[in-house]
């Protein structure tokens, strides 16, 4: 089963930026839904940005986080600007391809924002 690979997490000070990458194993032209989720200890994963045609963005990150794709590199990005301590968590990439009903998930990448 396909398993996307996230990278780009790390430790950053409040106000800084990070760009997360999600590398798919093959062309993302056949992806009809994608997203970035965040999880903190003791909580469920929550959608940060993503969707299936119409991108939804969590209110707390609106205007600061942007999702984009590089079709040639089979990669989905999450650009995160003006980071805040509340953005800390493990970020997961997920995608679903045409003809599939289930999503595949990456292993996650840790983002820690210090105040």
PDB file of N, CA and C in Angstrom:
ATOM      1  N   UNK A   1       0.846  -1.188   0.000  1.00  0.00           N
ATOM      2  CA  UNK A   1       0.000   0.000   0.000  1.00  0.00           C
ATOM      3  C   UNK A   1       0.881   1.237   0.000  1.00  0.00           C
ATOM      4  N   UNK A   2       0.467   2.220  -0.778  1.00  0.00           N
ATOM      5  CA  UNK A   2       1.242   3.453  -0.848  1.00  0.00           C
ATOM      6  C   UNK A   2       1.316   4.115   0.510  1.00  0.00           C
ATOM      7  N   UNK A   3       2.472   4.688   0.809  1.00  0.00           N
ATOM      8  CA  UNK A   3       2.651   5.393   2.079  1.00  0.00           C
ATOM      9  C   UNK A   3       3.428   6.668   1.789  1.00  0.00           C
ATOM     10  N   UNK A   4       2.760   7.822   1.832  1.00  0.00           N
ATOM     11  CA  UNK A   4       3.481   9.064   1.588  1.00  0.00           C
ATOM     12  C   UNK A   4       4.509   9.321   2.687  1.00  0.00           C
ATOM     13  N   UNK A   5       5.533  10.076   2.379  1.00  0.00           N
ATOM     14  CA  UNK A   5       6.626  10.343   3.310  1.00  0.00           C
ATOM     15  C   UNK A   5       6.715  11.839   3.582  1.00  0.00           C
ATOM     16  N   UNK A   6       6.521  12.213   4.845  1.00  0.00           N
ATOM     17  CA  UNK A   6       6.602  13.622   5.232  1.00  0.00           C
ATOM     18  C   UNK A   6       8.023  13.973   5.652  1.00  0.00           C
ATOM     19  N   UNK A   7       8.363  15.225   5.479  1.00  0.00           N
ATOM     20  CA  UNK A   7       9.639  15.757   5.950  1.00  0.00           C
ATOM     21  C   UNK A   7       9.497  17.253   6.133  1.00  0.00           C
ATOM     22  N   UNK A   8      10.519  17.853   6.758  1.00  0.00           N
ATOM     23  CA  UNK A   8      10.533  19.303   6.898  1.00  0.00           C
ATOM     24  C   UNK A   8      10.178  19.818   8.276  1.00  0.00           C
ATOM     25  N   UNK A   9       9.796  18.938   9.176  1.00  0.00           N
ATOM     26  CA  UNK A   9       9.492  19.380  10.531  1.00  0.00           C
ATOM     27  C   UNK A   9      10.752  19.766  11.278  1.00  0.00           C
ATOM     28  N   UNK A  10      10.563  20.322  12.474  1.00  0.00           N
ATOM     29  CA  UNK A  10      11.699  20.707  13.286  1.00  0.00           C
ATOM     30  C   UNK A  10      11.307  21.659  14.383  1.00  0.00           C
ATOM     31  N   UNK A  11      12.311  22.257  14.980  1.00  0.00           N
ATOM     32  CA  UNK A  11      12.117  23.226  16.066  1.00  0.00           C
ATOM     33  C   UNK A  11      12.308  24.624  15.499  1.00  0.00           C
ATOM     34  N   UNK A  12      11.359  25.493  15.772  1.00  0.00           N
ATOM     35  CA  UNK A  12      11.429  26.861  15.262  1.00  0.00           C
ATOM     36  C   UNK A  12      10.874  27.809  16.314  1.00  0.00           C
ATOM     37  N   UNK A  13      11.371  29.027  16.314  1.00  0.00           N
ATOM     38  CA  UNK A  13      10.858  30.029  17.247  1.00  0.00           C
ATOM     39  C   UNK A  13       9.551  30.603  16.737  1.00  0.00           C
ATOM     40  N   UNK A  14       8.754  31.089  17.651  1.00  0.00           N
ATOM     41  CA  UNK A  14       7.500  31.739  17.281  1.00  0.00           C
ATOM     42  C   UNK A  14       7.777  32.861  16.284  1.00  0.00           C
ATOM     43  N   UNK A  15       6.940  32.930  15.272  1.00  0.00           N
ATOM     44  CA  UNK A  15       7.118  33.914  14.218  1.00  0.00           C
ATOM     45  C   UNK A  15       7.879  33.386  13.024  1.00  0.00           C
ATOM     46  N   UNK A  16       8.505  32.236  13.177  1.00  0.00           N
ATOM     47  CA  UNK A  16       9.279  31.644  12.099  1.00  0.00           C
ATOM     48  C   UNK A  16       8.413  30.879  11.111  1.00  0.00           C
ATOM     49  N   UNK A  17       9.084  30.263  10.145  1.00  0.00           N
ATOM     50  CA  UNK A  17       8.393  29.529   9.079  1.00  0.00           C
ATOM     51  C   UNK A  17       9.013  28.152   8.889  1.00  0.00           C
ATOM     52  N   UNK A  18       8.199  27.244   8.405  1.00  0.00           N
ATOM     53  CA  UNK A  18       8.643  25.914   7.996  1.00  0.00           C
ATOM     54  C   UNK A  18       7.838  25.528   6.761  1.00  0.00           C
ATOM     55  N   UNK A  19       8.456  24.692   5.932  1.00  0.00           N
ATOM     56  CA  UNK A  19       7.710  24.099   4.825  1.00  0.00           C
ATOM     57  C   UNK A  19       7.797  22.592   4.949  1.00  0.00           C
ATOM     58  N   UNK A  20       6.639  21.992   5.102  1.00  0.00           N
ATOM     59  CA  UNK A  20       6.554  20.537   5.171  1.00  0.00           C
ATOM     60  C   UNK A  20       6.355  19.980   3.773  1.00  0.00           C
ATOM     61  N   UNK A  21       6.962  18.839   3.539  1.00  0.00           N
ATOM     62  CA  UNK A  21       6.829  18.162   2.257  1.00  0.00           C
ATOM     63  C   UNK A  21       6.202  16.792   2.453  1.00  0.00           C
ATOM     64  N   UNK A  22       5.413  16.390   1.486  1.00  0.00           N
ATOM     65  CA  UNK A  22       4.794  15.069   1.495  1.00  0.00           C
ATOM     66  C   UNK A  22       5.066  14.443   0.137  1.00  0.00           C
ATOM     67  N   UNK A  23       5.947  13.473   0.112  1.00  0.00           N
ATOM     68  CA  UNK A  23       6.331  12.843  -1.144  1.00  0.00           C
ATOM     69  C   UNK A  23       5.495  11.601  -1.391  1.00  0.00           C
ATOM     70  N   UNK A  24       4.779  11.609  -2.497  1.00  0.00           N
ATOM     71  CA  UNK A  24       3.999  10.440  -2.893  1.00  0.00           C
ATOM     72  C   UNK A  24       4.878   9.497  -3.705  1.00  0.00           C
ATOM     73  N   UNK A  25       4.485   8.234  -3.751  1.00  0.00           N
ATOM     74  CA  UNK A  25       5.318   7.235  -4.431  1.00  0.00           C
ATOM     75  C   UNK A  25       5.174   7.285  -5.944  1.00  0.00           C
ATOM     76  N   UNK A  26       4.122   7.943  -6.420  1.00  0.00           N
ATOM     77  CA  UNK A  26       3.945   8.065  -7.861  1.00  0.00           C
ATOM     78  C   UNK A  26       3.161   9.332  -8.151  1.00  0.00           C
ATOM     79  N   UNK A  27       2.844   9.564  -9.389  1.00  0.00           N
ATOM     80  CA  UNK A  27       2.214  10.806  -9.814  1.00  0.00           C
ATOM     81  C   UNK A  27       0.999  11.165  -8.964  1.00  0.00           C
ATOM     82  N   UNK A  28       0.924  12.463  -8.626  1.00  0.00           N
ATOM     83  CA  UNK A  28      -0.229  12.916  -7.847  1.00  0.00           C
ATOM     84  C   UNK A  28      -1.359  13.411  -8.750  1.00  0.00           C
ATOM     85  N   UNK A  29      -1.231  13.203 -10.056  1.00  0.00           N
ATOM     86  CA  UNK A  29      -2.327  13.566 -10.948  1.00  0.00           C
ATOM     87  C   UNK A  29      -3.584  12.765 -10.641  1.00  0.00           C
ATOM     88  N   UNK A  30      -3.408  11.590 -10.077  1.00  0.00           N
ATOM     89  CA  UNK A  30      -4.559  10.742  -9.781  1.00  0.00           C
ATOM     90  C   UNK A  30      -5.049  10.891  -8.345  1.00  0.00           C
ATOM     91  N   UNK A  31      -4.503  11.877  -7.632  1.00  0.00           N
ATOM     92  CA  UNK A  31      -4.972  12.147  -6.265  1.00  0.00           C
ATOM     93  C   UNK A  31      -6.182  13.062  -6.339  1.00  0.00           C
ATOM     94  N   UNK A  32      -7.298  12.663  -5.744  1.00  0.00           N
ATOM     95  CA  UNK A  32      -8.487  13.509  -5.767  1.00  0.00           C
ATOM     96  C   UNK A  32      -8.810  14.110  -4.407  1.00  0.00           C
ATOM     97  N   UNK A  33      -8.025  13.780  -3.415  1.00  0.00           N
ATOM     98  CA  UNK A  33      -8.223  14.382  -2.102  1.00  0.00           C
ATOM     99  C   UNK A  33      -6.911  14.293  -1.333  1.00  0.00           C
ATOM    100  N   UNK A  34      -6.540  15.362  -0.694  1.00  0.00           N
ATOM    101  CA  UNK A  34      -5.277  15.394   0.046  1.00  0.00           C
ATOM    102  C   UNK A  34      -5.441  16.322   1.239  1.00  0.00           C
ATOM    103  N   UNK A  35      -4.558  16.173   2.204  1.00  0.00           N
ATOM    104  CA  UNK A  35      -4.654  17.070   3.335  1.00  0.00           C
ATOM    105  C   UNK A  35      -3.513  16.924   4.300  1.00  0.00           C
ATOM    106  N   UNK A  36      -3.403  17.896   5.148  1.00  0.00           N
ATOM    107  CA  UNK A  36      -2.453  17.885   6.252  1.00  0.00           C
ATOM    108  C   UNK A  36      -3.244  17.923   7.557  1.00  0.00           C
ATOM    109  N   UNK A  37      -2.888  17.016   8.465  1.00  0.00           N
ATOM    110  CA  UNK A  37      -3.530  16.934   9.766  1.00  0.00           C
ATOM    111  C   UNK A  37      -2.474  17.151  10.843  1.00  0.00           C
ATOM    112  N   UNK A  38      -2.945  17.557  11.994  1.00  0.00           N
ATOM    113  CA  UNK A  38      -2.054  17.777  13.135  1.00  0.00           C
ATOM    114  C   UNK A  38      -2.603  17.013  14.325  1.00  0.00           C
ATOM    115  N   UNK A  39      -1.684  16.455  15.104  1.00  0.00           N
ATOM    116  CA  UNK A  39      -2.079  15.741  16.314  1.00  0.00           C
ATOM    117  C   UNK A  39      -1.155  16.105  17.453  1.00  0.00           C
ATOM    118  N   UNK A  40      -1.745  16.371  18.618  1.00  0.00           N
ATOM    119  CA  UNK A  40      -0.985  16.618  19.833  1.00  0.00           C
ATOM    120  C   UNK A  40      -1.333  15.516  20.823  1.00  0.00           C
ATOM    121  N   UNK A  41      -0.487  15.281  21.818  1.00  0.00           N
ATOM    122  CA  UNK A  41      -0.724  14.189  22.772  1.00  0.00           C
ATOM    123  C   UNK A  41      -2.114  14.266  23.406  1.00  0.00           C
ATOM    124  N   UNK A  42      -2.813  13.154  23.391  1.00  0.00           N
ATOM    125  CA  UNK A  42      -4.113  13.083  24.023  1.00  0.00           C
ATOM    126  C   UNK A  42      -5.257  13.611  23.197  1.00  0.00           C
ATOM    127  N   UNK A  43      -4.981  14.002  21.962  1.00  0.00           N
ATOM    128  CA  UNK A  43      -6.047  14.534  21.116  1.00  0.00           C
ATOM    129  C   UNK A  43      -6.142  13.741  19.816  1.00  0.00           C
ATOM    130  N   UNK A  44      -7.249  13.909  19.125  1.00  0.00           N
ATOM    131  CA  UNK A  44      -7.405  13.282  17.816  1.00  0.00           C
ATOM    132  C   UNK A  44      -6.751  14.159  16.750  1.00  0.00           C
ATOM    133  N   UNK A  45      -6.447  13.539  15.651  1.00  0.00           N
ATOM    134  CA  UNK A  45      -5.910  14.313  14.532  1.00  0.00           C
ATOM    135  C   UNK A  45      -6.971  15.285  14.035  1.00  0.00           C
ATOM    136  N   UNK A  46      -6.522  16.494  13.739  1.00  0.00           N
ATOM    137  CA  UNK A  46      -7.440  17.503  13.234  1.00  0.00           C
ATOM    138  C   UNK A  46      -6.931  18.018  11.897  1.00  0.00           C
ATOM    139  N   UNK A  47      -7.857  18.310  11.023  1.00  0.00           N
ATOM    140  CA  UNK A  47      -7.490  18.825   9.705  1.00  0.00           C
ATOM    141  C   UNK A  47      -6.933  20.237   9.835  1.00  0.00           C
ATOM    142  N   UNK A  48      -5.766  20.442   9.240  1.00  0.00           N
ATOM    143  CA  UNK A  48      -5.167  21.773   9.198  1.00  0.00           C
ATOM    144  C   UNK A  48      -5.509  22.439   7.873  1.00  0.00           C
ATOM    145  N   UNK A  49      -5.290  21.709   6.785  1.00  0.00           N
ATOM    146  CA  UNK A  49      -5.603  22.234   5.451  1.00  0.00           C
ATOM    147  C   UNK A  49      -5.735  21.060   4.504  1.00  0.00           C
ATOM    148  N   UNK A  50      -6.685  21.167   3.579  1.00  0.00           N
ATOM    149  CA  UNK A  50      -6.831  20.112   2.584  1.00  0.00           C
ATOM    150  C   UNK A  50      -8.258  19.998   2.121  1.00  0.00           C
ATOM    151  N   UNK A  51      -8.505  19.035   1.264  1.00  0.00           N
ATOM    152  CA  UNK A  51      -9.849  18.817   0.764  1.00  0.00           C
ATOM    153  C   UNK A  51      -9.837  18.051  -0.528  1.00  0.00           C
ATOM    154  N   UNK A  52     -11.029  17.917  -1.121  1.00  0.00           N
ATOM    155  CA  UNK A  52     -11.163  17.180  -2.369  1.00  0.00           C
ATOM    156  C   UNK A  52     -11.726  18.082  -3.441  1.00  0.00           C
ATOM    157  N   UNK A  53     -10.934  19.076  -3.817  1.00  0.00           N
ATOM    158  CA  UNK A  53     -11.345  20.016  -4.850  1.00  0.00           C
ATOM    159  C   UNK A  53     -11.456  21.414  -4.296  1.00  0.00           C
ATOM    160  N   UNK A  54     -12.099  21.522  -3.164  1.00  0.00           N
ATOM    161  CA  UNK A  54     -12.201  22.809  -2.496  1.00  0.00           C
ATOM    162  C   UNK A  54     -11.407  22.714  -1.204  1.00  0.00           C
ATOM    163  N   UNK A  55     -10.321  23.480  -1.137  1.00  0.00           N
ATOM    164  CA  UNK A  55      -9.435  23.385   0.018  1.00  0.00           C
ATOM    165  C   UNK A  55     -10.069  24.033   1.240  1.00  0.00           C
ATOM    166  N   UNK A  56     -10.073  23.291   2.338  1.00  0.00           N
ATOM    167  CA  UNK A  56     -10.529  23.829   3.613  1.00  0.00           C
ATOM    168  C   UNK A  56      -9.307  24.125   4.465  1.00  0.00           C
ATOM    169  N   UNK A  57      -9.367  25.181   5.207  1.00  0.00           N
ATOM    170  CA  UNK A  57      -8.273  25.598   6.064  1.00  0.00           C
ATOM    171  C   UNK A  57      -8.829  25.852   7.454  1.00  0.00           C
ATOM    172  N   UNK A  58      -8.156  25.304   8.440  1.00  0.00           N
ATOM    173  CA  UNK A  58      -8.583  25.533   9.822  1.00  0.00           C
ATOM    174  C   UNK A  58      -8.502  27.019  10.138  1.00  0.00           C
ATOM    175  N   UNK A  59      -9.475  27.525  10.835  1.00  0.00           N
ATOM    176  CA  UNK A  59      -9.565  28.951  11.119  1.00  0.00           C
ATOM    177  C   UNK A  59      -8.300  29.472  11.805  1.00  0.00           C
ATOM    178  N   UNK A  60      -7.730  28.671  12.671  1.00  0.00           N
ATOM    179  CA  UNK A  60      -6.576  29.150  13.442  1.00  0.00           C
ATOM    180  C   UNK A  60      -5.325  29.339  12.582  1.00  0.00           C
ATOM    181  N   UNK A  61      -5.297  28.753  11.388  1.00  0.00           N
ATOM    182  CA  UNK A  61      -4.118  28.876  10.531  1.00  0.00           C
ATOM    183  C   UNK A  61      -4.402  29.665   9.262  1.00  0.00           C
ATOM    184  N   UNK A  62      -5.617  30.119   9.112  1.00  0.00           N
ATOM    185  CA  UNK A  62      -5.998  30.840   7.902  1.00  0.00           C
ATOM    186  C   UNK A  62      -5.115  32.076   7.714  1.00  0.00           C
ATOM    187  N   UNK A  63      -4.605  32.225   6.508  1.00  0.00           N
ATOM    188  CA  UNK A  63      -3.732  33.349   6.210  1.00  0.00           C
ATOM    189  C   UNK A  63      -2.275  33.094   6.555  1.00  0.00           C
ATOM    190  N   UNK A  64      -1.997  32.028   7.289  1.00  0.00           N
ATOM    191  CA  UNK A  64      -0.611  31.713   7.666  1.00  0.00           C
ATOM    192  C   UNK A  64      -0.110  30.432   7.002  1.00  0.00           C
ATOM    193  N   UNK A  65      -0.990  29.462   6.820  1.00  0.00           N
ATOM    194  CA  UNK A  65      -0.614  28.174   6.232  1.00  0.00           C
ATOM    195  C   UNK A  65      -1.203  28.081   4.817  1.00  0.00           C
ATOM    196  N   UNK A  66      -0.409  27.497   3.922  1.00  0.00           N
ATOM    197  CA  UNK A  66      -0.858  27.364   2.538  1.00  0.00           C
ATOM    198  C   UNK A  66      -0.443  26.001   2.009  1.00  0.00           C
ATOM    199  N   UNK A  67      -1.366  25.317   1.372  1.00  0.00           N
ATOM    200  CA  UNK A  67      -1.093  24.011   0.784  1.00  0.00           C
ATOM    201  C   UNK A  67      -0.859  24.188  -0.709  1.00  0.00           C
ATOM    202  N   UNK A  68       0.123  23.475  -1.223  1.00  0.00           N
ATOM    203  CA  UNK A  68       0.422  23.559  -2.648  1.00  0.00           C
ATOM    204  C   UNK A  68       0.967  22.218  -3.117  1.00  0.00           C
ATOM    205  N   UNK A  69       1.096  22.076  -4.428  1.00  0.00           N
ATOM    206  CA  UNK A  69       1.613  20.829  -4.983  1.00  0.00           C
ATOM    207  C   UNK A  69       2.667  21.105  -6.046  1.00  0.00           C
ATOM    208  N   UNK A  70       3.560  20.159  -6.210  1.00  0.00           N
ATOM    209  CA  UNK A  70       4.525  20.153  -7.315  1.00  0.00           C
ATOM    210  C   UNK A  70       4.301  18.835  -8.036  1.00  0.00           C
ATOM    211  N   UNK A  71       3.546  18.899  -9.129  1.00  0.00           N
ATOM    212  CA  UNK A  71       3.177  17.673  -9.825  1.00  0.00           C
ATOM    213  C   UNK A  71       4.391  16.928 -10.355  1.00  0.00           C
ATOM    214  N   UNK A  72       5.388  17.669 -10.812  1.00  0.00           N
ATOM    215  CA  UNK A  72       6.579  17.030 -11.358  1.00  0.00           C
ATOM    216  C   UNK A  72       7.362  16.268 -10.306  1.00  0.00           C
ATOM    217  N   UNK A  73       7.287  16.731  -9.064  1.00  0.00           N
ATOM    218  CA  UNK A  73       8.017  16.084  -7.981  1.00  0.00           C
ATOM    219  C   UNK A  73       7.126  15.146  -7.171  1.00  0.00           C
ATOM    220  N   UNK A  74       5.867  15.009  -7.585  1.00  0.00           N
ATOM    221  CA  UNK A  74       4.911  14.153  -6.848  1.00  0.00           C
ATOM    222  C   UNK A  74       4.856  14.527  -5.373  1.00  0.00           C
ATOM    223  N   UNK A  75       4.844  15.827  -5.098  1.00  0.00           N
ATOM    224  CA  UNK A  75       4.953  16.293  -3.726  1.00  0.00           C
ATOM    225  C   UNK A  75       3.859  17.294  -3.386  1.00  0.00           C
ATOM    226  N   UNK A  76       3.380  17.186  -2.165  1.00  0.00           N
ATOM    227  CA  UNK A  76       2.405  18.118  -1.601  1.00  0.00           C
ATOM    228  C   UNK A  76       3.111  18.872  -0.484  1.00  0.00           C
ATOM    229  N   UNK A  77       2.926  20.184  -0.465  1.00  0.00           N
ATOM    230  CA  UNK A  77       3.611  21.009   0.527  1.00  0.00           C
ATOM    231  C   UNK A  77       2.616  21.661   1.477  1.00  0.00           C
ATOM    232  N   UNK A  78       3.118  21.980   2.656  1.00  0.00           N
ATOM    233  CA  UNK A  78       2.380  22.835   3.578  1.00  0.00           C
ATOM    234  C   UNK A  78       3.349  23.926   4.016  1.00  0.00           C
ATOM    235  N   UNK A  79       3.145  25.128   3.509  1.00  0.00           N
ATOM    236  CA  UNK A  79       3.955  26.269   3.906  1.00  0.00           C
ATOM    237  C   UNK A  79       3.336  26.865   5.162  1.00  0.00           C
ATOM    238  N   UNK A  80       4.120  26.965   6.208  1.00  0.00           N
ATOM    239  CA  UNK A  80       3.622  27.456   7.490  1.00  0.00           C
ATOM    240  C   UNK A  80       4.404  28.705   7.864  1.00  0.00           C
ATOM    241  N   UNK A  81       3.712  29.814   7.957  1.00  0.00           N
ATOM    242  CA  UNK A  81       4.337  31.097   8.289  1.00  0.00           C
ATOM    243  C   UNK A  81       3.808  31.615   9.614  1.00  0.00           C
ATOM    244  N   UNK A  82       4.564  32.520  10.211  1.00  0.00           N
ATOM    245  CA  UNK A  82       4.162  33.147  11.476  1.00  0.00           C
ATOM    246  C   UNK A  82       3.735  32.073  12.479  1.00  0.00           C
ATOM    247  N   UNK A  83       4.589  31.108  12.671  1.00  0.00           N
ATOM    248  CA  UNK A  83       4.253  29.981  13.532  1.00  0.00           C
ATOM    249  C   UNK A  83       4.081  30.406  14.985  1.00  0.00           C
ATOM    250  N   UNK A  84       3.192  29.699  15.666  1.00  0.00           N
ATOM    251  CA  UNK A  84       2.870  29.980  17.055  1.00  0.00           C
ATOM    252  C   UNK A  84       3.042  28.708  17.878  1.00  0.00           C
ATOM    253  N   UNK A  85       3.257  28.830  19.173  1.00  0.00           N
ATOM    254  CA  UNK A  85       3.385  27.621  20.004  1.00  0.00           C
ATOM    255  C   UNK A  85       2.191  26.679  19.865  1.00  0.00           C
ATOM    256  N   UNK A  86       1.006  27.222  19.634  1.00  0.00           N
ATOM    257  CA  UNK A  86      -0.189  26.390  19.479  1.00  0.00           C
ATOM    258  C   UNK A  86      -0.150  25.552  18.210  1.00  0.00           C
ATOM    259  N   UNK A  87       0.771  25.828  17.303  1.00  0.00           N
ATOM    260  CA  UNK A  87       0.904  25.043  16.073  1.00  0.00           C
ATOM    261  C   UNK A  87       1.728  23.778  16.304  1.00  0.00           C
ATOM    262  N   UNK A  88       2.298  23.642  17.471  1.00  0.00           N
ATOM    263  CA  UNK A  88       3.116  22.477  17.791  1.00  0.00           C
ATOM    264  C   UNK A  88       2.313  21.187  17.683  1.00  0.00           C
ATOM    265  N   UNK A  89       2.934  20.166  17.126  1.00  0.00           N
ATOM    266  CA  UNK A  89       2.285  18.871  17.011  1.00  0.00           C
ATOM    267  C   UNK A  89       2.967  18.016  15.969  1.00  0.00           C
ATOM    268  N   UNK A  90       2.450  16.819  15.787  1.00  0.00           N
ATOM    269  CA  UNK A  90       2.920  15.949  14.710  1.00  0.00           C
ATOM    270  C   UNK A  90       2.000  16.180  13.516  1.00  0.00           C
ATOM    271  N   UNK A  91       2.594  16.472  12.403  1.00  0.00           N
ATOM    272  CA  UNK A  91       1.848  16.764  11.184  1.00  0.00           C
ATOM    273  C   UNK A  91       1.881  15.549  10.260  1.00  0.00           C
ATOM    274  N   UNK A  92       0.694  15.170   9.810  1.00  0.00           N
ATOM    275  CA  UNK A  92       0.554  14.008   8.945  1.00  0.00           C
ATOM    276  C   UNK A  92      -0.015  14.436   7.598  1.00  0.00           C
ATOM    277  N   UNK A  93       0.506  13.815   6.573  1.00  0.00           N
ATOM    278  CA  UNK A  93      -0.023  13.993   5.231  1.00  0.00           C
ATOM    279  C   UNK A  93      -0.930  12.813   4.902  1.00  0.00           C
ATOM    280  N   UNK A  94      -2.013  13.087   4.203  1.00  0.00           N
ATOM    281  CA  UNK A  94      -2.889  12.014   3.776  1.00  0.00           C
ATOM    282  C   UNK A  94      -3.350  12.276   2.350  1.00  0.00           C
ATOM    283  N   UNK A  95      -3.587  11.210   1.617  1.00  0.00           N
ATOM    284  CA  UNK A  95      -4.096  11.377   0.264  1.00  0.00           C
ATOM    285  C   UNK A  95      -4.955  10.180  -0.134  1.00  0.00           C
ATOM    286  N   UNK A  96      -5.815  10.450  -1.102  1.00  0.00           N
ATOM    287  CA  UNK A  96      -6.690   9.406  -1.644  1.00  0.00           C
ATOM    288  C   UNK A  96      -6.672   9.535  -3.159  1.00  0.00           C
ATOM    289  N   UNK A  97      -6.629   8.440  -3.821  1.00  0.00           N
ATOM    290  CA  UNK A  97      -6.583   8.439  -5.277  1.00  0.00           C
ATOM    291  C   UNK A  97      -7.945   8.082  -5.858  1.00  0.00           C
ATOM    292  N   UNK A  98      -8.143   8.535  -7.110  1.00  0.00           N
ATOM    293  CA  UNK A  98      -9.378   8.187  -7.813  1.00  0.00           C
ATOM    294  C   UNK A  98      -9.565   6.670  -7.817  1.00  0.00           C
ATOM    295  N   UNK A  99     -10.793   6.268  -7.558  1.00  0.00           N
ATOM    296  CA  UNK A  99     -11.103   4.851  -7.549  1.00  0.00           C
ATOM    297  C   UNK A  99     -10.887   4.186  -6.214  1.00  0.00           C
ATOM    298  N   UNK A 100     -10.338   4.928  -5.272  1.00  0.00           N
ATOM    299  CA  UNK A 100     -10.104   4.389  -3.937  1.00  0.00           C
ATOM    300  C   UNK A 100     -11.081   5.040  -2.951  1.00  0.00           C
ATOM    301  N   UNK A 101     -11.446   4.299  -1.930  1.00  0.00           N
ATOM    302  CA  UNK A 101     -12.317   4.841  -0.895  1.00  0.00           C
ATOM    303  C   UNK A 101     -11.550   5.199   0.369  1.00  0.00           C
ATOM    304  N   UNK A 102     -10.362   4.647   0.521  1.00  0.00           N
ATOM    305  CA  UNK A 102      -9.613   4.897   1.744  1.00  0.00           C
ATOM    306  C   UNK A 102      -8.441   5.838   1.488  1.00  0.00           C
ATOM    307  N   UNK A 103      -8.003   6.467   2.540  1.00  0.00           N
ATOM    308  CA  UNK A 103      -6.854   7.364   2.511  1.00  0.00           C
ATOM    309  C   UNK A 103      -5.607   6.612   2.995  1.00  0.00           C
ATOM    310  N   UNK A 104      -4.468   7.047   2.490  1.00  0.00           N
ATOM    311  CA  UNK A 104      -3.211   6.552   3.026  1.00  0.00           C
ATOM    312  C   UNK A 104      -2.549   7.678   3.809  1.00  0.00           C
ATOM    313  N   UNK A 105      -1.805   7.287   4.816  1.00  0.00           N
ATOM    314  CA  UNK A 105      -1.197   8.245   5.742  1.00  0.00           C
ATOM    315  C   UNK A 105       0.309   8.058   5.799  1.00  0.00           C
ATOM    316  N   UNK A 106       1.003   9.164   6.004  1.00  0.00           N
ATOM    317  CA  UNK A 106       2.430   9.102   6.236  1.00  0.00           C
ATOM    318  C   UNK A 106       2.711   8.838   7.703  1.00  0.00           C
ATOM    319  N   UNK A 107       3.993   8.834   8.032  1.00  0.00           N
ATOM    320  CA  UNK A 107       4.406   8.510   9.401  1.00  0.00           C
ATOM    321  C   UNK A 107       4.393   9.738  10.306  1.00  0.00           C
ATOM    322  N   UNK A 108       4.268  10.909   9.712  1.00  0.00           N
ATOM    323  CA  UNK A 108       4.212  12.137  10.501  1.00  0.00           C
ATOM    324  C   UNK A 108       5.570  12.797  10.665  1.00  0.00           C
ATOM    325  N   UNK A 109       5.540  14.094  10.862  1.00  0.00           N
ATOM    326  CA  UNK A 109       6.759  14.855  11.120  1.00  0.00           C
ATOM    327  C   UNK A 109       6.483  15.838  12.259  1.00  0.00           C
ATOM    328  N   UNK A 110       7.396  15.907  13.204  1.00  0.00           N
ATOM    329  CA  UNK A 110       7.191  16.722  14.396  1.00  0.00           C
ATOM    330  C   UNK A 110       7.520  18.181  14.123  1.00  0.00           C
ATOM    331  N   UNK A 111       6.605  19.048  14.534  1.00  0.00           N
ATOM    332  CA  UNK A 111       6.828  20.494  14.485  1.00  0.00           C
ATOM    333  C   UNK A 111       6.714  21.028  15.901  1.00  0.00           C
ATOM    334  N   UNK A 112       7.741  21.720  16.345  1.00  0.00           N
ATOM    335  CA  UNK A 112       7.744  22.302  17.683  1.00  0.00           C
ATOM    336  C   UNK A 112       8.052  23.783  17.565  1.00  0.00           C
ATOM    337  N   UNK A 113       7.153  24.592  18.102  1.00  0.00           N
ATOM    338  CA  UNK A 113       7.317  26.038  18.043  1.00  0.00           C
ATOM    339  C   UNK A 113       7.542  26.542  19.463  1.00  0.00           C
ATOM    340  N   UNK A 114       8.678  27.164  19.673  1.00  0.00           N
ATOM    341  CA  UNK A 114       9.000  27.683  20.999  1.00  0.00           C
ATOM    342  C   UNK A 114       8.603  29.155  21.103  1.00  0.00           C
ATOM    343  N   UNK A 115       8.265  29.554  22.306  1.00  0.00           N
ATOM    344  CA  UNK A 115       7.821  30.946  22.520  1.00  0.00           C
ATOM    345  C   UNK A 115       8.997  31.853  22.839  1.00  0.00           C
TER     346      UNK A 115
END
